[in-house]
């Protein structure tokens, strides 16, 4: 392989792909990045066997070839180069890097030992990038840790007709985002690991793509953003019937300014975090919501927020960390918080963003 490429493009590509590579890979080649010339471009690929990431950038190709080199060291060296152009030349498993002011030689591993990143041979559905990525960021906060039920450690992506739903739950809270699609496609659903979702969101933040191509087949799902493709495994299993826990009727509702709610939650958290994150939420009397928490070793606090309350007085206890997460992912100026009973789930949503809802289960022993 003999190619010439701009330092800026190569540096950006390595920043994009570097986080996929594990620092404690079981196979030495998994700590490497694959560099391969491909029809006038340079293909870079990395994988940890659960996520595969491929990106392509323009290059002047004088000789075809491929090699893998240690990702971290290669990325660090490319970042130090001050010249506009960089030449990459492979000789077997050795890669020579040169520019006007810098030269290096990296001992790599033969490209044939690099794992094949699965391709998804299926029709691709184009999703609105901004709405899709924003929705993933909203729901991923509710994903369960990996050491609990496997199906809850990912985000459910369900497409039916011209509607997509993104769902996450850890059994204690639930987040659901609904996205309208421009046209109906083939119905499907997949549970995508939270790690893959977070990587996709990170990649999208550095790429100004108008749409995200999505395709699924068997145990793999593919997301394409311009010249970058992320392939992820799908979590096997059936997602729980989550819709039955979403409250259908709210007997008491409070409409609260978003910034004031966040401030109130922060104040109550100081005491709630010392008592298993428990906070009591009192709706009324009058036009206020009161959050109170007690910590034996610290003391107690009661914080009120002025708001519009509809319905009878009501109270319940919640995990304040879950309340904080809800307030942080709802972008509306006003947030609606509703109850249908002391031991019933609470429902939180924006007053304008009717396509997103957050359900939080009450704490029974409080």
Protein backbone atom coordinates (compact mmCIF):
# COMPACT_ATOMS: atom_id res chain seq x y z
CA UNK A 1 0.00 0.00 0.00
CA UNK A 2 1.23 3.46 -0.90
CA UNK A 3 -1.10 6.40 -0.38
CA UNK A 4 -0.97 10.13 0.31
CA UNK A 5 -3.58 11.75 2.51
CA UNK A 6 -4.19 15.01 4.35
CA UNK A 7 -3.16 15.03 7.99
CA UNK A 8 -6.41 16.77 8.97
CA UNK A 9 -8.66 14.11 7.45
CA UNK A 10 -6.60 11.24 8.81
CA UNK A 11 -6.52 12.78 12.29
CA UNK A 12 -10.31 13.27 12.30
CA UNK A 13 -10.88 9.71 11.11
CA UNK A 14 -8.68 8.30 13.88
CA UNK A 15 -10.51 10.38 16.49
CA UNK A 16 -13.77 8.98 15.18
CA UNK A 17 -12.72 5.36 15.19
CA UNK A 18 -10.32 5.17 18.11
CA UNK A 19 -12.82 4.61 20.91
CA UNK A 20 -14.05 1.35 19.43
CA UNK A 21 -10.66 -0.23 20.01
CA UNK A 22 -10.35 -1.89 23.41
CA UNK A 23 -7.31 -1.28 25.59
CA UNK A 24 -7.51 -4.80 27.00
CA UNK A 25 -8.36 -6.77 23.88
CA UNK A 26 -8.20 -10.56 24.16
CA UNK A 27 -6.83 -10.77 20.63
CA UNK A 28 -3.84 -8.52 19.82
CA UNK A 29 -5.32 -7.58 16.44
CA UNK A 30 -8.37 -6.07 18.18
CA UNK A 31 -6.09 -3.32 19.54
CA UNK A 32 -5.26 -2.38 15.96
CA UNK A 33 -6.92 -0.28 13.29
CA UNK A 34 -7.26 -1.65 9.79
CA UNK A 35 -5.94 0.65 7.05
CA UNK A 36 -6.90 -0.43 3.54
CA UNK A 37 -6.82 1.34 0.19
CA UNK A 38 -10.15 1.12 -1.58
CA UNK A 39 -11.01 2.71 -4.94
CA UNK A 40 -9.22 6.00 -4.42
CA UNK A 41 -10.01 6.17 -0.73
CA UNK A 42 -8.59 4.99 2.58
CA UNK A 43 -10.78 2.65 4.58
CA UNK A 44 -10.28 2.60 8.35
CA UNK A 45 -11.93 -0.07 10.47
CA UNK A 46 -11.99 -1.10 14.13
CA UNK A 47 -13.98 -3.65 16.10
CA UNK A 48 -14.35 -5.12 19.57
CA UNK A 49 -16.39 -8.04 18.12
CA UNK A 50 -19.64 -6.47 19.34
CA UNK A 51 -19.37 -3.16 17.49
CA UNK A 52 -17.69 -2.66 14.15
CA UNK A 53 -16.93 0.81 12.83
CA UNK A 54 -15.83 1.66 9.30
CA UNK A 55 -15.08 5.10 7.88
CA UNK A 56 -13.67 6.13 4.52
CA UNK A 57 -11.74 9.26 3.51
CA UNK A 58 -10.36 10.50 0.23
CA UNK A 59 -6.73 9.70 -0.61
CA UNK A 60 -4.26 9.52 -3.50
CA UNK A 61 -3.66 5.82 -3.99
CA UNK A 62 -0.47 4.83 -5.80
CA UNK A 63 -0.47 1.21 -4.68
CA UNK A 64 -3.23 -0.94 -3.25
CA UNK A 65 -2.81 -2.80 0.01
CA UNK A 66 -3.84 -3.22 3.64
CA UNK A 67 -2.27 -3.45 7.09
CA UNK A 68 -3.29 -3.17 10.73
CA UNK A 69 -1.32 -1.07 13.23
CA UNK A 70 -1.69 -0.29 16.96
CA UNK A 71 -4.56 2.18 17.02
CA UNK A 72 -3.66 4.30 20.03
CA UNK A 73 0.01 4.88 19.15
CA UNK A 74 -0.78 5.50 15.48
CA UNK A 75 -3.49 8.04 16.37
CA UNK A 76 -1.21 9.84 18.82
CA UNK A 77 1.58 10.11 16.25
CA UNK A 78 -0.71 11.37 13.48
CA UNK A 79 -1.99 14.05 15.89
CA UNK A 80 1.56 15.42 16.30
CA UNK A 81 2.26 15.86 12.58
CA UNK A 82 2.29 19.53 11.58
CA UNK A 83 2.49 18.99 7.81
CA UNK A 84 -0.54 19.07 5.51
CA UNK A 85 0.22 15.79 3.73
CA UNK A 86 1.07 12.35 5.10
CA UNK A 87 2.32 9.32 3.18
CA UNK A 88 1.47 5.81 4.31
CA UNK A 89 3.46 2.91 2.87
CA UNK A 90 3.09 -0.70 3.95
CA UNK A 91 5.72 -3.41 3.62
CA UNK A 92 4.20 -6.64 4.80
CA UNK A 93 2.99 -5.99 8.36
CA UNK A 94 5.08 -2.84 8.74
CA UNK A 95 3.64 0.62 8.06
CA UNK A 96 5.92 3.54 7.28
CA UNK A 97 4.49 6.99 7.98
CA UNK A 98 6.22 10.05 6.58
CA UNK A 99 5.74 13.76 6.05
CA UNK A 100 8.09 16.68 5.53
CA UNK A 101 9.02 16.91 9.21
CA UNK A 102 8.15 13.47 10.63
CA UNK A 103 8.86 9.79 10.00
CA UNK A 104 7.84 6.65 11.86
CA UNK A 105 7.63 2.92 11.36
CA UNK A 106 4.88 0.87 13.02
CA UNK A 107 5.05 -2.87 13.49
CA UNK A 108 1.59 -4.13 12.79
CA UNK A 109 -0.31 -7.36 12.19
CA UNK A 110 -1.21 -8.79 8.80
CA UNK A 111 -4.57 -7.49 7.58
CA UNK A 112 -5.77 -11.05 6.96
CA UNK A 113 -5.90 -11.59 10.74
CA UNK A 114 -8.31 -8.68 11.23
CA UNK A 115 -11.86 -9.92 11.97
CA UNK A 116 -14.40 -9.48 9.22
CA UNK A 117 -16.94 -6.84 10.18
CA UNK A 118 -20.34 -8.29 9.21
CA UNK A 119 -22.26 -6.62 6.43
CA UNK A 120 -26.03 -6.30 6.51
CA UNK A 121 -27.44 -7.34 3.16
CA UNK A 122 -30.86 -5.76 3.52
CA UNK A 123 -32.78 -2.73 2.34
CA UNK A 124 -31.88 0.46 4.17
CA UNK A 125 -34.45 2.77 5.75
CA UNK A 126 -33.46 6.44 5.86
CA UNK A 127 -34.17 8.10 9.19
CA UNK A 128 -34.09 11.84 9.97
CA UNK A 129 -30.67 12.13 11.63
CA UNK A 130 -31.39 14.97 14.05
CA UNK A 131 -34.65 13.53 15.41
CA UNK A 132 -33.30 9.97 15.53
CA UNK A 133 -30.08 10.80 17.40
CA UNK A 134 -31.84 13.22 19.76
CA UNK A 135 -34.40 10.50 20.53
CA UNK A 136 -31.70 7.94 21.27
CA UNK A 137 -30.05 10.35 23.72
CA UNK A 138 -33.37 10.90 25.47
CA UNK A 139 -34.20 7.24 26.05
CA UNK A 140 -30.76 5.68 26.65
CA UNK A 141 -30.67 7.11 30.20
CA UNK A 142 -33.29 4.53 31.18
CA UNK A 143 -31.32 1.48 29.99
CA UNK A 144 -30.54 -1.13 32.65
CA UNK A 145 -26.96 -2.09 33.56
CA UNK A 146 -25.58 -5.06 31.62
CA UNK A 147 -25.57 -7.33 34.68
CA UNK A 148 -29.37 -7.34 34.88
CA UNK A 149 -31.79 -8.80 32.31
CA UNK A 150 -29.99 -8.75 28.92
CA UNK A 151 -33.01 -7.46 26.98
CA UNK A 152 -33.17 -4.41 29.25
CA UNK A 153 -29.52 -3.48 28.64
CA UNK A 154 -30.33 -2.02 25.23
CA UNK A 155 -32.68 0.32 23.41
CA UNK A 156 -35.67 -1.14 21.60
CA UNK A 157 -35.99 0.21 18.05
CA UNK A 158 -39.41 -0.65 16.66
CA UNK A 159 -40.60 0.41 13.21
CA UNK A 160 -44.21 -0.08 12.22
CA UNK A 161 -45.55 1.61 9.14
CA UNK A 162 -44.45 5.24 9.09
CA UNK A 163 -43.70 5.37 12.83
CA UNK A 164 -40.60 4.49 14.82
CA UNK A 165 -40.53 4.03 18.58
CA UNK A 166 -37.38 4.12 20.69
CA UNK A 167 -37.82 2.56 24.13
CA UNK A 168 -35.64 1.89 27.16
CA UNK A 169 -36.46 0.66 30.65
CA UNK A 170 -34.65 -0.77 33.66
CA UNK A 171 -37.93 -1.86 35.32
CA UNK A 172 -37.84 1.21 37.61
CA UNK A 173 -38.37 3.84 34.92
CA UNK A 174 -39.29 3.91 31.24
CA UNK A 175 -38.52 6.32 28.40
CA UNK A 176 -40.30 6.25 25.04
CA UNK A 177 -39.73 8.44 21.97
CA UNK A 178 -41.98 8.35 18.89
CA UNK A 179 -40.61 9.52 15.53
CA UNK A 180 -42.70 10.01 12.41
CA UNK A 181 -41.04 8.74 9.24
CA UNK A 182 -41.38 10.34 5.82
CA UNK A 183 -42.55 7.07 4.32
CA UNK A 184 -43.53 3.64 5.53
CA UNK A 185 -40.95 0.89 5.31
CA UNK A 186 -40.68 -2.74 6.28
CA UNK A 187 -41.76 -3.41 9.87
CA UNK A 188 -39.02 -4.61 12.20
CA UNK A 189 -37.73 -4.34 15.73
CA UNK A 190 -34.33 -4.78 17.35
CA UNK A 191 -32.79 -4.36 20.79
CA UNK A 192 -29.49 -2.51 20.37
CA UNK A 193 -26.90 -2.49 23.20
CA UNK A 194 -26.53 0.81 25.04
CA UNK A 195 -22.83 0.92 24.18
CA UNK A 196 -23.66 0.89 20.48
CA UNK A 197 -26.29 3.59 20.96
CA UNK A 198 -23.83 5.85 22.80
CA UNK A 199 -21.17 5.34 20.12
CA UNK A 200 -23.68 6.12 17.38
CA UNK A 201 -24.66 9.35 19.15
CA UNK A 202 -21.00 10.29 19.58
CA UNK A 203 -20.27 9.69 15.90
CA UNK A 204 -23.33 11.63 14.79
CA UNK A 205 -22.25 14.64 16.87
CA UNK A 206 -19.11 14.94 14.73
CA UNK A 207 -20.76 14.24 11.37
CA UNK A 208 -23.32 16.62 9.89
CA UNK A 209 -25.43 13.98 8.19
CA UNK A 210 -29.02 14.77 7.21
CA UNK A 211 -30.13 11.16 7.43
CA UNK A 212 -29.11 7.90 9.03
CA UNK A 213 -29.43 4.75 6.98
CA UNK A 214 -30.66 1.81 9.06
CA UNK A 215 -30.78 -1.84 8.02
CA UNK A 216 -31.24 -5.02 10.04
CA UNK A 217 -30.77 -8.68 9.30
CA UNK A 218 -30.53 -11.70 11.57
CA UNK A 219 -28.36 -10.71 14.56
CA UNK A 220 -26.86 -7.49 13.17
CA UNK A 221 -28.02 -3.91 12.68
CA UNK A 222 -26.28 -1.32 10.55
CA UNK A 223 -26.29 2.48 10.81
CA UNK A 224 -24.80 4.54 7.99
CA UNK A 225 -23.92 8.24 8.29
CA UNK A 226 -22.37 9.51 5.06
CA UNK A 227 -19.01 7.68 4.71
CA UNK A 228 -19.15 6.09 8.17
CA UNK A 229 -20.87 2.81 9.03
CA UNK A 230 -21.47 1.32 12.47
CA UNK A 231 -22.47 -2.35 12.69
CA UNK A 232 -23.72 -3.71 16.00
CA UNK A 233 -24.93 -7.01 17.32
CA UNK A 234 -28.57 -7.22 18.32
CA UNK A 235 -29.54 -8.44 21.79
CA UNK A 236 -31.44 -11.71 21.51
CA UNK A 237 -34.72 -11.96 23.37
CA UNK A 238 -38.24 -10.54 23.57
CA UNK A 239 -38.73 -7.04 24.94
CA UNK A 240 -41.31 -6.81 27.76
CA UNK A 241 -44.81 -5.49 27.10
CA UNK A 242 -43.95 -2.05 28.43
CA UNK A 243 -47.07 -0.21 27.27
CA UNK A 244 -49.21 -1.60 30.08
CA UNK A 245 -47.30 0.38 32.74
CA UNK A 246 -47.84 3.74 31.01
CA UNK A 247 -50.56 5.59 32.97
CA UNK A 248 -53.67 6.15 30.87
CA UNK A 249 -55.40 8.56 33.28
CA UNK A 250 -53.77 11.12 35.60
CA UNK A 251 -55.80 12.33 38.55
CA UNK A 252 -53.31 15.03 39.59
CA UNK A 253 -51.03 17.01 37.28
CA UNK A 254 -48.51 19.78 37.83
CA UNK A 255 -47.10 21.98 35.07
CA UNK A 256 -43.66 23.18 36.17
CA UNK A 257 -41.04 25.47 34.67
CA UNK A 258 -38.19 23.21 33.52
CA UNK A 259 -35.35 25.27 34.99
CA UNK A 260 -37.15 25.63 38.32
CA UNK A 261 -37.79 21.88 38.46
CA UNK A 262 -34.11 21.16 37.84
CA UNK A 263 -33.11 23.60 40.59
CA UNK A 264 -35.56 22.05 43.05
CA UNK A 265 -34.33 18.55 42.27
CA UNK A 266 -30.69 19.60 42.74
CA UNK A 267 -31.48 21.07 46.16
CA UNK A 268 -33.38 17.98 47.32
CA UNK A 269 -30.65 15.67 45.99
CA UNK A 270 -28.20 16.94 48.63
CA UNK A 271 -30.26 15.17 51.29
CA UNK A 272 -31.88 12.41 49.20
CA UNK A 273 -28.55 10.91 48.14
CA UNK A 274 -27.83 10.14 51.79
CA UNK A 275 -31.04 8.10 52.07
CA UNK A 276 -31.03 5.78 49.04
CA UNK A 277 -31.99 8.70 46.73
CA UNK A 278 -35.51 8.79 48.18
CA UNK A 279 -37.52 11.98 47.82
CA UNK A 280 -41.17 12.59 48.72
CA UNK A 281 -43.09 14.64 46.16
CA UNK A 282 -46.19 16.46 47.41
CA UNK A 283 -48.63 18.00 44.90
CA UNK A 284 -50.45 20.88 46.60
CA UNK A 285 -51.95 22.34 48.59
CA UNK A 286 -52.30 25.45 46.48
CA UNK A 287 -50.13 25.98 43.42
CA UNK A 288 -46.92 24.34 44.61
CA UNK A 289 -45.06 21.04 44.46
CA UNK A 290 -42.88 20.22 47.46
CA UNK A 291 -39.91 17.87 47.44
CA UNK A 292 -38.65 16.70 50.81
CA UNK A 293 -35.84 14.38 51.84
CA UNK A 294 -34.37 13.24 55.13
CA UNK A 295 -30.89 11.92 55.86
CA UNK A 296 -30.15 10.68 59.38
CA UNK A 297 -26.51 11.74 59.28
CA UNK A 298 -27.20 15.12 57.68
CA UNK A 299 -30.64 16.46 58.44
CA UNK A 300 -33.64 17.22 56.26
CA UNK A 301 -34.82 19.60 53.57
CA UNK A 302 -38.10 20.68 52.05
CA UNK A 303 -38.05 22.63 48.77
CA UNK A 304 -41.08 24.03 46.94
CA UNK A 305 -41.58 25.08 43.36
CA UNK A 306 -44.42 27.30 42.19
CA UNK A 307 -46.48 25.67 39.44
CA UNK A 308 -49.95 25.02 38.08
CA UNK A 309 -51.64 22.08 39.83
CA UNK A 310 -54.75 20.34 38.53
CA UNK A 311 -56.66 17.78 40.59
CA UNK A 312 -56.67 16.82 44.26
CA UNK A 313 -53.65 16.87 46.55
CA UNK A 314 -51.42 13.84 46.06
CA UNK A 315 -48.07 12.53 47.20
CA UNK A 316 -45.65 9.78 46.34
CA UNK A 317 -41.98 8.91 46.79
CA UNK A 318 -39.51 8.49 43.93
CA UNK A 319 -35.84 7.94 43.25
CA UNK A 320 -34.58 11.48 42.82
CA UNK A 321 -31.87 10.43 40.39
CA UNK A 322 -34.57 9.25 38.01
CA UNK A 323 -36.37 12.59 38.38
CA UNK A 324 -33.12 14.38 37.58
CA UNK A 325 -32.59 12.28 34.45
CA UNK A 326 -36.12 13.03 33.26
CA UNK A 327 -35.72 16.77 33.75
CA UNK A 328 -32.40 16.75 31.89
CA UNK A 329 -33.60 14.96 28.73
CA UNK A 330 -36.87 16.87 28.23
CA UNK A 331 -36.08 19.99 26.24
CA UNK A 332 -39.37 21.86 26.74
CA UNK A 333 -39.65 25.04 28.80
CA UNK A 334 -42.56 23.52 30.74
CA UNK A 335 -42.74 19.97 32.11
CA UNK A 336 -45.90 18.12 33.08
CA UNK A 337 -45.63 15.73 36.04
CA UNK A 338 -48.69 13.61 36.76
CA UNK A 339 -49.89 10.98 39.23
CA UNK A 340 -52.82 8.61 39.35
CA UNK A 341 -52.31 7.40 42.92
CA UNK A 342 -49.67 7.09 45.64
CA UNK A 343 -48.42 3.71 44.46
CA UNK A 344 -49.05 4.26 40.76
CA UNK A 345 -46.32 5.22 38.27
CA UNK A 346 -45.64 8.89 37.70
CA UNK A 347 -45.71 10.27 34.16
CA UNK A 348 -43.37 13.06 33.07
CA UNK A 349 -43.37 14.78 29.67
CA UNK A 350 -42.94 18.13 28.01
CA UNK A 351 -46.01 20.26 27.40
CA UNK A 352 -45.12 20.65 23.71
CA UNK A 353 -43.09 17.51 22.94
CA UNK A 354 -45.94 15.04 22.93
CA UNK A 355 -43.70 12.48 21.19
CA UNK A 356 -41.65 11.74 24.34
CA UNK A 357 -42.71 10.41 27.71
CA UNK A 358 -40.92 9.24 30.85
CA UNK A 359 -42.51 6.92 33.40
CA UNK A 360 -41.08 6.52 36.89
CA UNK A 361 -42.12 3.85 39.37
CA UNK A 362 -42.88 4.92 42.97
CA UNK A 363 -40.95 3.77 46.01
CA UNK A 364 -43.26 1.70 48.19
CA UNK A 365 -41.36 1.70 51.48
CA UNK A 366 -40.84 5.39 52.17
